[in-house]
């Protein structure tokens, strides 16, 4: 009996490990889908739901791009160390509700770096 229970636990653990394996493309698509879910929402709603606050913004012809930065990730190998951070650019349009975060509606986003750590 004890051996059968152990086998079930090991089988379950193996299945969980296999389910957790995703390719880089699958992870990228999943994060893109999560970001697309915010399209049509205001920057204020994005801030409230994610806890992310823009570090800056800049004007573009269609509105503003808000800049969000994620945590720095350090990778090391013998003799080499590299630090990179996520940079999320959220493109918005003016929705007529003023210059606050409520006044900008998200229409797109791009990101660079290790953004999988963002709470999105």
Protein backbone atom coordinates (compact mmCIF):
# COMPACT_ATOMS: atom_id res chain seq x y z
CA UNK A 1 0.00 0.00 0.00
CA UNK A 2 2.71 2.45 0.93
CA UNK A 3 4.47 1.91 -2.39
CA UNK A 4 1.32 2.56 -4.41
CA UNK A 5 0.76 5.89 -2.61
CA UNK A 6 4.36 6.89 -3.22
CA UNK A 7 3.98 6.05 -6.90
CA UNK A 8 0.91 8.28 -7.16
CA UNK A 9 2.74 11.15 -5.50
CA UNK A 10 5.70 10.75 -7.85
CA UNK A 11 3.41 10.53 -10.89
CA UNK A 12 1.55 13.65 -9.81
CA UNK A 13 4.82 15.50 -9.24
CA UNK A 14 6.07 14.48 -12.69
CA UNK A 15 2.86 15.70 -14.32
CA UNK A 16 3.09 19.04 -12.54
CA UNK A 17 6.69 19.42 -13.65
CA UNK A 18 5.77 18.70 -17.27
CA UNK A 19 2.81 21.08 -17.12
CA UNK A 20 5.13 23.82 -15.84
CA UNK A 21 7.47 23.49 -18.82
CA UNK A 22 6.71 26.15 -21.39
CA UNK A 23 8.72 27.39 -24.32
CA UNK A 24 9.88 30.98 -24.48
CA UNK A 25 7.32 31.61 -27.21
CA UNK A 26 4.48 30.28 -25.04
CA UNK A 27 5.55 32.46 -22.12
CA UNK A 28 5.82 35.48 -24.43
CA UNK A 29 2.35 34.87 -25.89
CA UNK A 30 0.80 34.40 -22.45
CA UNK A 31 2.24 37.70 -21.25
CA UNK A 32 1.16 39.47 -24.46
CA UNK A 33 -2.36 38.16 -23.93
CA UNK A 34 -2.38 39.43 -20.33
CA UNK A 35 -1.26 42.87 -21.52
CA UNK A 36 -3.86 42.94 -24.33
CA UNK A 37 -6.52 42.45 -21.67
CA UNK A 38 -5.75 46.00 -20.49
CA UNK A 39 -6.35 47.55 -23.93
CA UNK A 40 -9.36 49.83 -23.64
CA UNK A 41 -8.82 50.45 -19.91
CA UNK A 42 -7.41 53.64 -18.44
CA UNK A 43 -3.91 53.98 -17.07
CA UNK A 44 -5.54 54.54 -13.66
CA UNK A 45 -7.27 51.13 -13.87
CA UNK A 46 -3.99 49.52 -14.96
CA UNK A 47 -2.20 51.13 -11.97
CA UNK A 48 -4.85 49.92 -9.54
CA UNK A 49 -4.97 46.35 -10.87
CA UNK A 50 -1.22 45.79 -11.23
CA UNK A 51 0.27 48.12 -8.63
CA UNK A 52 2.63 49.40 -11.32
CA UNK A 53 3.21 53.16 -11.49
CA UNK A 54 4.82 54.82 -14.51
CA UNK A 55 8.28 56.29 -14.00
CA UNK A 56 7.76 58.74 -16.86
CA UNK A 57 5.80 59.42 -20.02
CA UNK A 58 6.37 61.14 -23.33
CA UNK A 59 4.02 62.61 -25.92
CA UNK A 60 3.45 60.95 -29.30
CA UNK A 61 1.24 62.03 -32.20
CA UNK A 62 -1.66 59.87 -31.01
CA UNK A 63 -1.39 60.55 -27.25
CA UNK A 64 1.19 59.53 -24.65
CA UNK A 65 3.46 56.60 -23.98
CA UNK A 66 3.78 55.74 -20.30
CA UNK A 67 7.03 54.09 -19.20
CA UNK A 68 6.99 51.37 -16.54
CA UNK A 69 10.13 49.69 -15.25
CA UNK A 70 10.32 46.26 -13.69
CA UNK A 71 12.81 44.81 -11.25
CA UNK A 72 16.43 44.33 -12.23
CA UNK A 73 17.42 40.74 -12.89
CA UNK A 74 21.06 39.75 -12.46
CA UNK A 75 22.43 36.72 -14.26
CA UNK A 76 25.87 35.33 -13.59
CA UNK A 77 28.21 32.82 -15.11
CA UNK A 78 31.81 32.21 -14.15
CA UNK A 79 33.61 35.50 -14.79
CA UNK A 80 30.56 37.25 -16.31
CA UNK A 81 27.66 39.09 -14.72
CA UNK A 82 24.79 40.89 -16.43
CA UNK A 83 22.01 43.07 -15.02
CA UNK A 84 18.91 43.84 -17.07
CA UNK A 85 15.54 45.33 -16.25
CA UNK A 86 12.13 45.19 -17.84
CA UNK A 87 10.87 48.28 -19.61
CA UNK A 88 7.17 48.31 -20.44
CA UNK A 89 5.91 51.03 -22.79
CA UNK A 90 2.14 51.57 -22.68
CA UNK A 91 0.71 53.54 -25.59
CA UNK A 92 -2.41 55.57 -24.80
CA UNK A 93 -4.86 57.98 -26.37
CA UNK A 94 -6.53 60.98 -24.74
CA UNK A 95 -10.07 60.02 -23.75
CA UNK A 96 -11.15 63.54 -22.79
CA UNK A 97 -11.19 63.03 -19.02
CA UNK A 98 -8.28 65.35 -18.23
CA UNK A 99 -4.53 64.99 -17.82
CA UNK A 100 -4.67 62.49 -14.93
CA UNK A 101 -4.28 58.73 -15.29
CA UNK A 102 -8.06 58.52 -15.84
CA UNK A 103 -7.68 60.62 -18.97
CA UNK A 104 -5.58 58.11 -20.92
CA UNK A 105 -6.92 54.91 -22.49
CA UNK A 106 -4.49 52.08 -23.26
CA UNK A 107 -4.31 51.09 -26.94
CA UNK A 108 -1.05 49.15 -27.11
CA UNK A 109 2.10 48.06 -25.35
CA UNK A 110 5.64 46.89 -26.02
CA UNK A 111 8.24 45.55 -23.65
CA UNK A 112 11.91 44.69 -23.48
CA UNK A 113 13.95 42.78 -20.95
CA UNK A 114 12.83 40.26 -18.34
CA UNK A 115 9.20 41.39 -18.01
CA UNK A 116 7.92 37.99 -16.89
CA UNK A 117 8.44 39.22 -13.32
CA UNK A 118 5.86 42.00 -13.67
CA UNK A 119 2.60 41.45 -11.75
CA UNK A 120 0.52 41.29 -14.89
